[in-house]
Structure formats: C-alpha cells, structure tokens
Amino acid sequence: SGYTSARLKSENLYEFTYGRVEVRAKLPAATGTWPAIWSLGAD
C-alpha cells in the first residue's frame, strides 16, 4: 500500500562553498513522482 525509494547525500563526505554544480539526468515519467537534485546548508 506504500512506496519505497532512495535519497542520496554527500553530507560529511563532500561539502563546498561556491562553485558550479552540473548534473546530467533523465527524469521519471510516472504521474506522482517528484524527482529532485538539490543542496542543503551543512549547518
């Protein structure tokens, strides 16, 4: 009755201030999927 998925992060492995991030990706087509490529403040 539910769903499983994955959420990867570089926390404590690679953190940075300023730069250019480039990600080459193809996104899911199914209605209701919410793909995201993002960054969060390390603090």
PDB file of all heavy atoms in Angstrom:
ATOM      1  N   SER A   1       0.817  -1.214   0.000  1.00  0.00           N
ATOM      2  CA  SER A   1       0.000   0.000   0.000  1.00  0.00           C
ATOM      3  C   SER A   1       0.849   1.260   0.000  1.00  0.00           C
ATOM      4  O   SER A   1       0.315   2.368   0.017  1.00  0.00           O
ATOM      5  CB  SER A   1      -0.923   0.007   1.224  1.00  0.00           C
ATOM      6  OG  SER A   1      -0.145  -0.018   2.418  1.00  0.00           O
ATOM      7  N   GLY A   2       2.169   1.111  -0.013  1.00  0.00           N
ATOM      8  CA  GLY A   2       3.068   2.260   0.024  1.00  0.00           C
ATOM      9  C   GLY A   2       4.068   2.242  -1.101  1.00  0.00           C
ATOM     10  O   GLY A   2       3.881   1.590  -2.134  1.00  0.00           O
ATOM     11  N   TYR A   3       5.178   2.945  -0.866  1.00  0.00           N
ATOM     12  CA  TYR A   3       6.210   3.068  -1.884  1.00  0.00           C
ATOM     13  C   TYR A   3       7.573   3.085  -1.202  1.00  0.00           C
ATOM     14  O   TYR A   3       7.708   3.516  -0.050  1.00  0.00           O
ATOM     15  CB  TYR A   3       6.029   4.365  -2.686  1.00  0.00           C
ATOM     16  CG  TYR A   3       4.640   4.566  -3.228  1.00  0.00           C
ATOM     17  CD1 TYR A   3       3.705   5.283  -2.492  1.00  0.00           C
ATOM     18  CD2 TYR A   3       4.265   4.025  -4.448  1.00  0.00           C
ATOM     19  CE1 TYR A   3       2.417   5.469  -2.972  1.00  0.00           C
ATOM     20  CE2 TYR A   3       2.987   4.206  -4.946  1.00  0.00           C
ATOM     21  CZ  TYR A   3       2.060   4.923  -4.197  1.00  0.00           C
ATOM     22  OH  TYR A   3       0.787   5.089  -4.669  1.00  0.00           O
ATOM     23  N   THR A   4       8.581   2.616  -1.931  1.00  0.00           N
ATOM     24  CA  THR A   4       9.961   2.760  -1.478  1.00  0.00           C
ATOM     25  C   THR A   4      10.746   3.550  -2.521  1.00  0.00           C
ATOM     26  O   THR A   4      10.378   3.598  -3.701  1.00  0.00           O
ATOM     27  CB  THR A   4      10.636   1.398  -1.271  1.00  0.00           C
ATOM     28  OG1 THR A   4      10.627   0.666  -2.510  1.00  0.00           O
ATOM     29  CG2 THR A   4       9.923   0.596  -0.188  1.00  0.00           C
ATOM     30  N   SER A   5      11.829   4.177  -2.077  1.00  0.00           N
ATOM     31  CA  SER A   5      12.684   4.944  -2.984  1.00  0.00           C
ATOM     32  C   SER A   5      14.023   5.146  -2.294  1.00  0.00           C
ATOM     33  O   SER A   5      14.318   4.479  -1.282  1.00  0.00           O
ATOM     34  CB  SER A   5      12.027   6.280  -3.343  1.00  0.00           C
ATOM     35  OG  SER A   5      12.775   6.953  -4.339  1.00  0.00           O
ATOM     36  N   ALA A   6      14.866   6.064  -2.808  1.00  0.00           N
ATOM     37  CA  ALA A   6      16.173   6.321  -2.210  1.00  0.00           C
ATOM     38  C   ALA A   6      16.481   7.814  -2.242  1.00  0.00           C
ATOM     39  O   ALA A   6      15.999   8.549  -3.123  1.00  0.00           O
ATOM     40  CB  ALA A   6      17.261   5.548  -2.941  1.00  0.00           C
ATOM     41  N   ARG A   7      17.268   8.214  -1.237  1.00  0.00           N
ATOM     42  CA  ARG A   7      17.710   9.617  -1.142  1.00  0.00           C
ATOM     43  C   ARG A   7      19.183   9.616  -0.753  1.00  0.00           C
ATOM     44  O   ARG A   7      19.547   9.265   0.367  1.00  0.00           O
ATOM     45  CB  ARG A   7      16.860  10.362  -0.108  1.00  0.00           C
ATOM     46  CG  ARG A   7      17.293  11.779   0.174  1.00  0.00           C
ATOM     47  CD  ARG A   7      16.135  12.560   0.766  1.00  0.00           C
ATOM     48  NE  ARG A   7      16.524  13.462   1.833  1.00  0.00           N
ATOM     49  CZ  ARG A   7      15.747  14.416   2.335  1.00  0.00           C
ATOM     50  NH1 ARG A   7      14.525  14.585   1.848  1.00  0.00           N
ATOM     51  NH2 ARG A   7      16.156  15.182   3.322  1.00  0.00           N
ATOM     52  N   LEU A   8      20.035   9.996  -1.726  1.00  0.00           N
ATOM     53  CA  LEU A   8      21.479  10.024  -1.523  1.00  0.00           C
ATOM     54  C   LEU A   8      21.919  11.428  -1.158  1.00  0.00           C
ATOM     55  O   LEU A   8      21.319  12.414  -1.604  1.00  0.00           O
ATOM     56  CB  LEU A   8      22.217   9.595  -2.788  1.00  0.00           C
ATOM     57  CG  LEU A   8      22.226   8.108  -3.149  1.00  0.00           C
ATOM     58  CD1 LEU A   8      20.869   7.666  -3.653  1.00  0.00           C
ATOM     59  CD2 LEU A   8      23.303   7.825  -4.198  1.00  0.00           C
ATOM     60  N   LYS A   9      23.001  11.520  -0.373  1.00  0.00           N
ATOM     61  CA  LYS A   9      23.531  12.828   0.001  1.00  0.00           C
ATOM     62  C   LYS A   9      25.035  12.738   0.198  1.00  0.00           C
ATOM     63  O   LYS A   9      25.579  11.669   0.514  1.00  0.00           O
ATOM     64  CB  LYS A   9      22.853  13.336   1.268  1.00  0.00           C
ATOM     65  CG  LYS A   9      23.037  12.442   2.490  1.00  0.00           C
ATOM     66  CD  LYS A   9      22.282  12.980   3.704  1.00  0.00           C
ATOM     67  CE  LYS A   9      22.524  12.087   4.940  1.00  0.00           C
ATOM     68  NZ  LYS A   9      21.831  12.611   6.142  1.00  0.00           N
ATOM     69  N   SER A  10      25.701  13.873   0.016  1.00  0.00           N
ATOM     70  CA  SER A  10      27.168  13.923   0.181  1.00  0.00           C
ATOM     71  C   SER A  10      27.560  14.500   1.542  1.00  0.00           C
ATOM     72  O   SER A  10      28.720  14.853   1.742  1.00  0.00           O
ATOM     73  CB  SER A  10      27.801  14.748  -0.942  1.00  0.00           C
ATOM     74  OG  SER A  10      27.443  16.114  -0.834  1.00  0.00           O
ATOM     75  N   GLU A  11      26.629  14.577   2.462  1.00  0.00           N
ATOM     76  CA  GLU A  11      26.869  15.175   3.777  1.00  0.00           C
ATOM     77  C   GLU A  11      28.070  14.530   4.466  1.00  0.00           C
ATOM     78  O   GLU A  11      28.180  13.299   4.523  1.00  0.00           O
ATOM     79  CB  GLU A  11      25.622  15.023   4.648  1.00  0.00           C
ATOM     80  CG  GLU A  11      25.756  15.665   6.017  1.00  0.00           C
ATOM     81  CD  GLU A  11      24.510  15.489   6.877  1.00  0.00           C
ATOM     82  OE1 GLU A  11      23.614  14.716   6.477  1.00  0.00           O
ATOM     83  OE2 GLU A  11      24.440  16.119   7.942  1.00  0.00           O
ATOM     84  N   ASN A  12      28.973  15.372   4.982  1.00  0.00           N
ATOM     85  CA  ASN A  12      30.203  14.968   5.686  1.00  0.00           C
ATOM     86  C   ASN A  12      31.206  14.261   4.780  1.00  0.00           C
ATOM     87  O   ASN A  12      32.291  13.883   5.244  1.00  0.00           O
ATOM     88  CB  ASN A  12      29.890  14.076   6.892  1.00  0.00           C
ATOM     89  CG  ASN A  12      29.084  14.807   7.946  1.00  0.00           C
ATOM     90  OD1 ASN A  12      29.316  15.988   8.203  1.00  0.00           O
ATOM     91  ND2 ASN A  12      28.124  14.110   8.547  1.00  0.00           N
ATOM     92  N   LEU A  13      30.892  14.097   3.508  1.00  0.00           N
ATOM     93  CA  LEU A  13      31.806  13.473   2.555  1.00  0.00           C
ATOM     94  C   LEU A  13      32.323  14.489   1.537  1.00  0.00           C
ATOM     95  O   LEU A  13      33.507  14.509   1.226  1.00  0.00           O
ATOM     96  CB  LEU A  13      31.098  12.321   1.836  1.00  0.00           C
ATOM     97  CG  LEU A  13      30.631  11.179   2.741  1.00  0.00           C
ATOM     98  CD1 LEU A  13      29.774  10.194   1.947  1.00  0.00           C
ATOM     99  CD2 LEU A  13      31.833  10.471   3.372  1.00  0.00           C
ATOM    100  N   TYR A  14      31.403  15.308   1.032  1.00  0.00           N
ATOM    101  CA  TYR A  14      31.805  16.420   0.174  1.00  0.00           C
ATOM    102  C   TYR A  14      30.857  17.587   0.441  1.00  0.00           C
ATOM    103  O   TYR A  14      29.638  17.504   0.190  1.00  0.00           O
ATOM    104  CB  TYR A  14      31.772  16.065  -1.307  1.00  0.00           C
ATOM    105  CG  TYR A  14      32.178  17.237  -2.181  1.00  0.00           C
ATOM    106  CD1 TYR A  14      33.515  17.637  -2.241  1.00  0.00           C
ATOM    107  CD2 TYR A  14      31.235  17.969  -2.898  1.00  0.00           C
ATOM    108  CE1 TYR A  14      33.892  18.735  -3.010  1.00  0.00           C
ATOM    109  CE2 TYR A  14      31.612  19.062  -3.675  1.00  0.00           C
ATOM    110  CZ  TYR A  14      32.943  19.440  -3.714  1.00  0.00           C
ATOM    111  OH  TYR A  14      33.323  20.525  -4.465  1.00  0.00           O
ATOM    112  N   GLU A  15      31.418  18.662   0.958  1.00  0.00           N
ATOM    113  CA  GLU A  15      30.674  19.889   1.210  1.00  0.00           C
ATOM    114  C   GLU A  15      31.487  21.040   0.629  1.00  0.00           C
ATOM    115  O   GLU A  15      32.721  20.986   0.612  1.00  0.00           O
ATOM    116  CB  GLU A  15      30.420  20.069   2.704  1.00  0.00           C
ATOM    117  CG  GLU A  15      29.564  18.927   3.279  1.00  0.00           C
ATOM    118  CD  GLU A  15      29.425  18.963   4.798  1.00  0.00           C
ATOM    119  OE1 GLU A  15      30.104  19.802   5.437  1.00  0.00           O
ATOM    120  OE2 GLU A  15      28.649  18.153   5.348  1.00  0.00           O
ATOM    121  N   PHE A  16      30.819  22.077   0.165  1.00  0.00           N
ATOM    122  CA  PHE A  16      31.534  23.119  -0.567  1.00  0.00           C
ATOM    123  C   PHE A  16      30.815  24.456  -0.435  1.00  0.00           C
ATOM    124  O   PHE A  16      29.606  24.513  -0.164  1.00  0.00           O
ATOM    125  CB  PHE A  16      31.665  22.746  -2.049  1.00  0.00           C
ATOM    126  CG  PHE A  16      30.344  22.684  -2.785  1.00  0.00           C
ATOM    127  CD1 PHE A  16      29.975  23.699  -3.652  1.00  0.00           C
ATOM    128  CD2 PHE A  16      29.472  21.611  -2.606  1.00  0.00           C
ATOM    129  CE1 PHE A  16      28.770  23.649  -4.321  1.00  0.00           C
ATOM    130  CE2 PHE A  16      28.260  21.562  -3.281  1.00  0.00           C
ATOM    131  CZ  PHE A  16      27.906  22.578  -4.145  1.00  0.00           C
ATOM    132  N   THR A  17      31.580  25.517  -0.632  1.00  0.00           N
ATOM    133  CA  THR A  17      31.056  26.877  -0.696  1.00  0.00           C
ATOM    134  C   THR A  17      31.436  27.478  -2.037  1.00  0.00           C
ATOM    135  O   THR A  17      32.631  27.583  -2.350  1.00  0.00           O
ATOM    136  CB  THR A  17      31.639  27.748   0.438  1.00  0.00           C
ATOM    137  OG1 THR A  17      31.345  27.153   1.698  1.00  0.00           O
ATOM    138  CG2 THR A  17      31.042  29.159   0.397  1.00  0.00           C
ATOM    139  N   TYR A  18      30.440  27.834  -2.823  1.00  0.00           N
ATOM    140  CA  TYR A  18      30.585  28.427  -4.151  1.00  0.00           C
ATOM    141  C   TYR A  18      31.139  27.410  -5.152  1.00  0.00           C
ATOM    142  O   TYR A  18      31.910  26.516  -4.823  1.00  0.00           O
ATOM    143  CB  TYR A  18      31.463  29.680  -4.137  1.00  0.00           C
ATOM    144  CG  TYR A  18      31.044  30.724  -3.124  1.00  0.00           C
ATOM    145  CD1 TYR A  18      31.986  31.336  -2.284  1.00  0.00           C
ATOM    146  CD2 TYR A  18      29.707  31.099  -2.996  1.00  0.00           C
ATOM    147  CE1 TYR A  18      31.606  32.292  -1.350  1.00  0.00           C
ATOM    148  CE2 TYR A  18      29.327  32.047  -2.059  1.00  0.00           C
ATOM    149  CZ  TYR A  18      30.276  32.635  -1.244  1.00  0.00           C
ATOM    150  OH  TYR A  18      29.895  33.568  -0.315  1.00  0.00           O
ATOM    151  N   GLY A  19      30.708  27.580  -6.394  1.00  0.00           N
ATOM    152  CA  GLY A  19      31.147  26.685  -7.459  1.00  0.00           C
ATOM    153  C   GLY A  19      30.021  26.452  -8.444  1.00  0.00           C
ATOM    154  O   GLY A  19      28.926  26.999  -8.323  1.00  0.00           O
ATOM    155  N   ARG A  20      30.318  25.629  -9.431  1.00  0.00           N
ATOM    156  CA  ARG A  20      29.319  25.252 -10.434  1.00  0.00           C
ATOM    157  C   ARG A  20      29.029  23.767 -10.318  1.00  0.00           C
ATOM    158  O   ARG A  20      29.933  22.940 -10.440  1.00  0.00           O
ATOM    159  CB  ARG A  20      29.826  25.585 -11.844  1.00  0.00           C
ATOM    160  CG  ARG A  20      28.902  25.079 -12.959  1.00  0.00           C
ATOM    161  CD  ARG A  20      29.230  25.728 -14.296  1.00  0.00           C
ATOM    162  NE  ARG A  20      30.614  25.535 -14.688  1.00  0.00           N
ATOM    163  CZ  ARG A  20      31.057  24.546 -15.467  1.00  0.00           C
ATOM    164  NH1 ARG A  20      30.219  23.635 -15.934  1.00  0.00           N
ATOM    165  NH2 ARG A  20      32.347  24.481 -15.788  1.00  0.00           N
ATOM    166  N   VAL A  21      27.769  23.444 -10.080  1.00  0.00           N
ATOM    167  CA  VAL A  21      27.324  22.057  -9.993  1.00  0.00           C
ATOM    168  C   VAL A  21      26.631  21.698 -11.302  1.00  0.00           C
ATOM    169  O   VAL A  21      25.746  22.428 -11.756  1.00  0.00           O
ATOM    170  CB  VAL A  21      26.332  21.851  -8.825  1.00  0.00           C
ATOM    171  CG1 VAL A  21      25.892  20.394  -8.757  1.00  0.00           C
ATOM    172  CG2 VAL A  21      26.949  22.302  -7.511  1.00  0.00           C
ATOM    173  N   GLU A  22      27.024  20.597 -11.895  1.00  0.00           N
ATOM    174  CA  GLU A  22      26.398  20.137 -13.128  1.00  0.00           C
ATOM    175  C   GLU A  22      26.015  18.674 -12.976  1.00  0.00           C
ATOM    176  O   GLU A  22      26.859  17.830 -12.650  1.00  0.00           O
ATOM    177  CB  GLU A  22      27.352  20.309 -14.317  1.00  0.00           C
ATOM    178  CG  GLU A  22      26.725  19.952 -15.663  1.00  0.00           C
ATOM    179  CD  GLU A  22      27.652  20.281 -16.826  1.00  0.00           C
ATOM    180  OE1 GLU A  22      27.925  21.484 -17.020  1.00  0.00           O
ATOM    181  OE2 GLU A  22      28.111  19.343 -17.502  1.00  0.00           O
ATOM    182  N   VAL A  23      24.734  18.391 -13.203  1.00  0.00           N
ATOM    183  CA  VAL A  23      24.213  17.025 -13.100  1.00  0.00           C
ATOM    184  C   VAL A  23      23.490  16.699 -14.397  1.00  0.00           C
ATOM    185  O   VAL A  23      22.579  17.433 -14.813  1.00  0.00           O
ATOM    186  CB  VAL A  23      23.244  16.879 -11.908  1.00  0.00           C
ATOM    187  CG1 VAL A  23      22.748  15.445 -11.806  1.00  0.00           C
ATOM    188  CG2 VAL A  23      23.927  17.307 -10.602  1.00  0.00           C
ATOM    189  N   ARG A  24      23.893  15.592 -15.021  1.00  0.00           N
ATOM    190  CA  ARG A  24      23.227  15.166 -16.255  1.00  0.00           C
ATOM    191  C   ARG A  24      22.275  14.037 -15.891  1.00  0.00           C
ATOM    192  O   ARG A  24      22.706  12.995 -15.370  1.00  0.00           O
ATOM    193  CB  ARG A  24      24.243  14.715 -17.294  1.00  0.00           C
ATOM    194  CG  ARG A  24      23.624  14.352 -18.644  1.00  0.00           C
ATOM    195  CD  ARG A  24      24.679  14.256 -19.738  1.00  0.00           C
ATOM    196  NE  ARG A  24      24.098  13.868 -21.023  1.00  0.00           N
ATOM    197  CZ  ARG A  24      23.484  14.702 -21.851  1.00  0.00           C
ATOM    198  NH1 ARG A  24      23.362  15.980 -21.522  1.00  0.00           N
ATOM    199  NH2 ARG A  24      22.998  14.275 -22.993  1.00  0.00           N
ATOM    200  N   ALA A  25      20.976  14.248 -16.188  1.00  0.00           N
ATOM    201  CA  ALA A  25      19.980  13.295 -15.691  1.00  0.00           C
ATOM    202  C   ALA A  25      18.798  13.181 -16.647  1.00  0.00           C
ATOM    203  O   ALA A  25      18.509  14.080 -17.438  1.00  0.00           O
ATOM    204  CB  ALA A  25      19.486  13.729 -14.318  1.00  0.00           C
ATOM    205  N   LYS A  26      18.119  12.023 -16.522  1.00  0.00           N
ATOM    206  CA  LYS A  26      16.826  11.789 -17.173  1.00  0.00           C
ATOM    207  C   LYS A  26      15.814  11.484 -16.071  1.00  0.00           C
ATOM    208  O   LYS A  26      16.105  10.693 -15.158  1.00  0.00           O
ATOM    209  CB  LYS A  26      16.918  10.627 -18.166  1.00  0.00           C
ATOM    210  CG  LYS A  26      15.626  10.369 -18.931  1.00  0.00           C
ATOM    211  CD  LYS A  26      15.819   9.339 -20.046  1.00  0.00           C
ATOM    212  CE  LYS A  26      16.104   7.952 -19.470  1.00  0.00           C
ATOM    213  NZ  LYS A  26      16.117   6.912 -20.527  1.00  0.00           N
ATOM    214  N   LEU A  27      14.644  12.100 -16.154  1.00  0.00           N
ATOM    215  CA  LEU A  27      13.709  12.100 -15.043  1.00  0.00           C
ATOM    216  C   LEU A  27      12.614  11.045 -15.212  1.00  0.00           C
ATOM    217  O   LEU A  27      12.313  10.633 -16.343  1.00  0.00           O
ATOM    218  CB  LEU A  27      13.074  13.488 -14.905  1.00  0.00           C
ATOM    219  CG  LEU A  27      14.056  14.667 -14.854  1.00  0.00           C
ATOM    220  CD1 LEU A  27      13.296  15.965 -14.627  1.00  0.00           C
ATOM    221  CD2 LEU A  27      15.113  14.459 -13.775  1.00  0.00           C
ATOM    222  N   PRO A  28      12.006  10.609 -14.105  1.00  0.00           N
ATOM    223  CA  PRO A  28      10.914   9.631 -14.185  1.00  0.00           C
ATOM    224  C   PRO A  28       9.683  10.253 -14.819  1.00  0.00           C
ATOM    225  O   PRO A  28       9.401  11.448 -14.629  1.00  0.00           O
ATOM    226  CB  PRO A  28      10.666   9.248 -12.730  1.00  0.00           C
ATOM    227  CG  PRO A  28      11.154  10.429 -11.940  1.00  0.00           C
ATOM    228  CD  PRO A  28      12.320  10.963 -12.708  1.00  0.00           C
ATOM    229  N   ALA A  29       8.918   9.429 -15.548  1.00  0.00           N
ATOM    230  CA  ALA A  29       7.764   9.934 -16.291  1.00  0.00           C
ATOM    231  C   ALA A  29       6.445   9.725 -15.567  1.00  0.00           C
ATOM    232  O   ALA A  29       5.442  10.355 -15.918  1.00  0.00           O
ATOM    233  CB  ALA A  29       7.698   9.252 -17.662  1.00  0.00           C
ATOM    234  N   ALA A  30       6.408   8.870 -14.570  1.00  0.00           N
ATOM    235  CA  ALA A  30       5.143   8.496 -13.943  1.00  0.00           C
ATOM    236  C   ALA A  30       4.522   9.651 -13.162  1.00  0.00           C
ATOM    237  O   ALA A  30       5.220  10.390 -12.458  1.00  0.00           O
ATOM    238  CB  ALA A  30       5.350   7.302 -13.015  1.00  0.00           C
ATOM    239  N   THR A  31       3.213   9.777 -13.292  1.00  0.00           N
ATOM    240  CA  THR A  31       2.479  10.804 -12.552  1.00  0.00           C
ATOM    241  C   THR A  31       2.591  10.551 -11.053  1.00  0.00           C
ATOM    242  O   THR A  31       2.400   9.417 -10.586  1.00  0.00           O
ATOM    243  CB  THR A  31       1.000  10.801 -12.966  1.00  0.00           C
ATOM    244  OG1 THR A  31       0.910  11.055 -14.368  1.00  0.00           O
ATOM    245  CG2 THR A  31       0.210  11.849 -12.201  1.00  0.00           C
ATOM    246  N   GLY A  32       2.905  11.596 -10.311  1.00  0.00           N
ATOM    247  CA  GLY A  32       3.047  11.466  -8.865  1.00  0.00           C
ATOM    248  C   GLY A  32       4.477  11.353  -8.391  1.00  0.00           C
ATOM    249  O   GLY A  32       4.739  11.472  -7.186  1.00  0.00           O
ATOM    250  N   THR A  33       5.427  11.137  -9.317  1.00  0.00           N
ATOM    251  CA  THR A  33       6.839  11.110  -8.918  1.00  0.00           C
ATOM    252  C   THR A  33       7.369  12.545  -8.800  1.00  0.00           C
ATOM    253  O   THR A  33       7.016  13.413  -9.582  1.00  0.00           O
ATOM    254  CB  THR A  33       7.689  10.346  -9.937  1.00  0.00           C
ATOM    255  OG1 THR A  33       7.510  10.898 -11.250  1.00  0.00           O
ATOM    256  CG2 THR A  33       7.286   8.868  -9.965  1.00  0.00           C
ATOM    257  N   TRP A  34       8.235  12.733  -7.822  1.00  0.00           N
ATOM    258  CA  TRP A  34       8.782  14.070  -7.528  1.00  0.00           C
ATOM    259  C   TRP A  34      10.302  13.954  -7.432  1.00  0.00           C
ATOM    260  O   TRP A  34      10.865  13.810  -6.359  1.00  0.00           O
ATOM    261  CB  TRP A  34       8.172  14.570  -6.223  1.00  0.00           C
ATOM    262  CG  TRP A  34       8.708  15.863  -5.671  1.00  0.00           C
ATOM    263  CD1 TRP A  34       9.627  16.710  -6.217  1.00  0.00           C
ATOM    264  CD2 TRP A  34       8.354  16.435  -4.405  1.00  0.00           C
ATOM    265  NE1 TRP A  34       9.867  17.765  -5.392  1.00  0.00           N
ATOM    266  CE2 TRP A  34       9.094  17.634  -4.261  1.00  0.00           C
ATOM    267  CE3 TRP A  34       7.491  16.052  -3.375  1.00  0.00           C
ATOM    268  CZ2 TRP A  34       8.994  18.434  -3.133  1.00  0.00           C
ATOM    269  CZ3 TRP A  34       7.390  16.860  -2.259  1.00  0.00           C
ATOM    270  CH2 TRP A  34       8.129  18.042  -2.135  1.00  0.00           C
ATOM    271  N   PRO A  35      11.006  14.022  -8.572  1.00  0.00           N
ATOM    272  CA  PRO A  35      12.469  13.930  -8.554  1.00  0.00           C
ATOM    273  C   PRO A  35      13.088  15.264  -8.144  1.00  0.00           C
ATOM    274  O   PRO A  35      12.542  16.334  -8.429  1.00  0.00           O
ATOM    275  CB  PRO A  35      12.817  13.592 -10.004  1.00  0.00           C
ATOM    276  CG  PRO A  35      11.711  14.232 -10.798  1.00  0.00           C
ATOM    277  CD  PRO A  35      10.466  14.134  -9.945  1.00  0.00           C
ATOM    278  N   ALA A  36      14.237  15.206  -7.476  1.00  0.00           N
ATOM    279  CA  ALA A  36      14.896  16.432  -7.025  1.00  0.00           C
ATOM    280  C   ALA A  36      16.406  16.240  -6.997  1.00  0.00           C
ATOM    281  O   ALA A  36      16.908  15.189  -6.595  1.00  0.00           O
ATOM    282  CB  ALA A  36      14.396  16.839  -5.641  1.00  0.00           C
ATOM    283  N   ILE A  37      17.114  17.278  -7.438  1.00  0.00           N
ATOM    284  CA  ILE A  37      18.564  17.390  -7.325  1.00  0.00           C
ATOM    285  C   ILE A  37      18.802  18.713  -6.622  1.00  0.00           C
ATOM    286  O   ILE A  37      18.469  19.771  -7.163  1.00  0.00           O
ATOM    287  CB  ILE A  37      19.246  17.372  -8.709  1.00  0.00           C
ATOM    288  CG1 ILE A  37      18.906  16.085  -9.461  1.00  0.00           C
ATOM    289  CG2 ILE A  37      20.754  17.546  -8.573  1.00  0.00           C
ATOM    290  CD1 ILE A  37      19.266  16.115 -10.939  1.00  0.00           C
ATOM    291  N   TRP A  38      19.351  18.673  -5.402  1.00  0.00           N
ATOM    292  CA  TRP A  38      19.353  19.898  -4.609  1.00  0.00           C
ATOM    293  C   TRP A  38      20.505  19.918  -3.625  1.00  0.00           C
ATOM    294  O   TRP A  38      21.339  18.997  -3.600  1.00  0.00           O
ATOM    295  CB  TRP A  38      18.009  20.083  -3.908  1.00  0.00           C
ATOM    296  CG  TRP A  38      17.485  18.921  -3.095  1.00  0.00           C
ATOM    297  CD1 TRP A  38      17.134  17.677  -3.541  1.00  0.00           C
ATOM    298  CD2 TRP A  38      17.222  18.917  -1.681  1.00  0.00           C
ATOM    299  NE1 TRP A  38      16.668  16.899  -2.506  1.00  0.00           N
ATOM    300  CE2 TRP A  38      16.703  17.622  -1.354  1.00  0.00           C
ATOM    301  CE3 TRP A  38      17.356  19.859  -0.671  1.00  0.00           C
ATOM    302  CZ2 TRP A  38      16.341  17.268  -0.052  1.00  0.00           C
ATOM    303  CZ3 TRP A  38      16.984  19.504   0.631  1.00  0.00           C
ATOM    304  CH2 TRP A  38      16.473  18.235   0.923  1.00  0.00           C
ATOM    305  N   SER A  39      20.572  21.002  -2.831  1.00  0.00           N
ATOM    306  CA  SER A  39      21.641  21.146  -1.847  1.00  0.00           C
ATOM    307  C   SER A  39      21.071  21.794  -0.592  1.00  0.00           C
ATOM    308  O   SER A  39      20.134  22.597  -0.652  1.00  0.00           O
ATOM    309  CB  SER A  39      22.795  21.974  -2.412  1.00  0.00           C
ATOM    310  OG  SER A  39      22.350  23.262  -2.784  1.00  0.00           O
ATOM    311  N   LEU A  40      21.683  21.456   0.534  1.00  0.00           N
ATOM    312  CA  LEU A  40      21.202  21.916   1.836  1.00  0.00           C
ATOM    313  C   LEU A  40      22.381  22.452   2.645  1.00  0.00           C
ATOM    314  O   LEU A  40      23.491  21.908   2.574  1.00  0.00           O
ATOM    315  CB  LEU A  40      20.531  20.770   2.585  1.00  0.00           C
ATOM    316  CG  LEU A  40      19.821  21.109   3.903  1.00  0.00           C
ATOM    317  CD1 LEU A  40      18.585  21.974   3.650  1.00  0.00           C
ATOM    318  CD2 LEU A  40      19.424  19.828   4.641  1.00  0.00           C
ATOM    319  N   GLY A  41      22.127  23.524   3.403  1.00  0.00           N
ATOM    320  CA  GLY A  41      23.168  24.079   4.247  1.00  0.00           C
ATOM    321  C   GLY A  41      23.683  23.059   5.244  1.00  0.00           C
ATOM    322  O   GLY A  41      22.910  22.400   5.949  1.00  0.00           O
ATOM    323  N   ALA A  42      25.010  22.914   5.333  1.00  0.00           N
ATOM    324  CA  ALA A  42      25.617  21.873   6.166  1.00  0.00           C
ATOM    325  C   ALA A  42      25.370  22.098   7.660  1.00  0.00           C
ATOM    326  O   ALA A  42      25.520  21.168   8.459  1.00  0.00           O
ATOM    327  CB  ALA A  42      27.115  21.794   5.885  1.00  0.00           C
ATOM    328  N   ASP A  43      24.955  23.310   8.042  1.00  0.00           N
ATOM    329  CA  ASP A  43      24.712  23.589   9.458  1.00  0.00           C
ATOM    330  C   ASP A  43      23.246  23.412   9.843  1.00  0.00           C
ATOM    331  O   ASP A  43      22.787  23.966  10.838  1.00  0.00           O
ATOM    332  CB  ASP A  43      25.171  25.006   9.794  1.00  0.00           C
ATOM    333  CG  ASP A  43      24.395  26.076   9.020  1.00  0.00           C
ATOM    334  OD1 ASP A  43      23.684  25.717   8.058  1.00  0.00           O
ATOM    335  OD2 ASP A  43      24.512  27.268   9.380  1.00  0.00           O
TER     336      ASP A  43
END
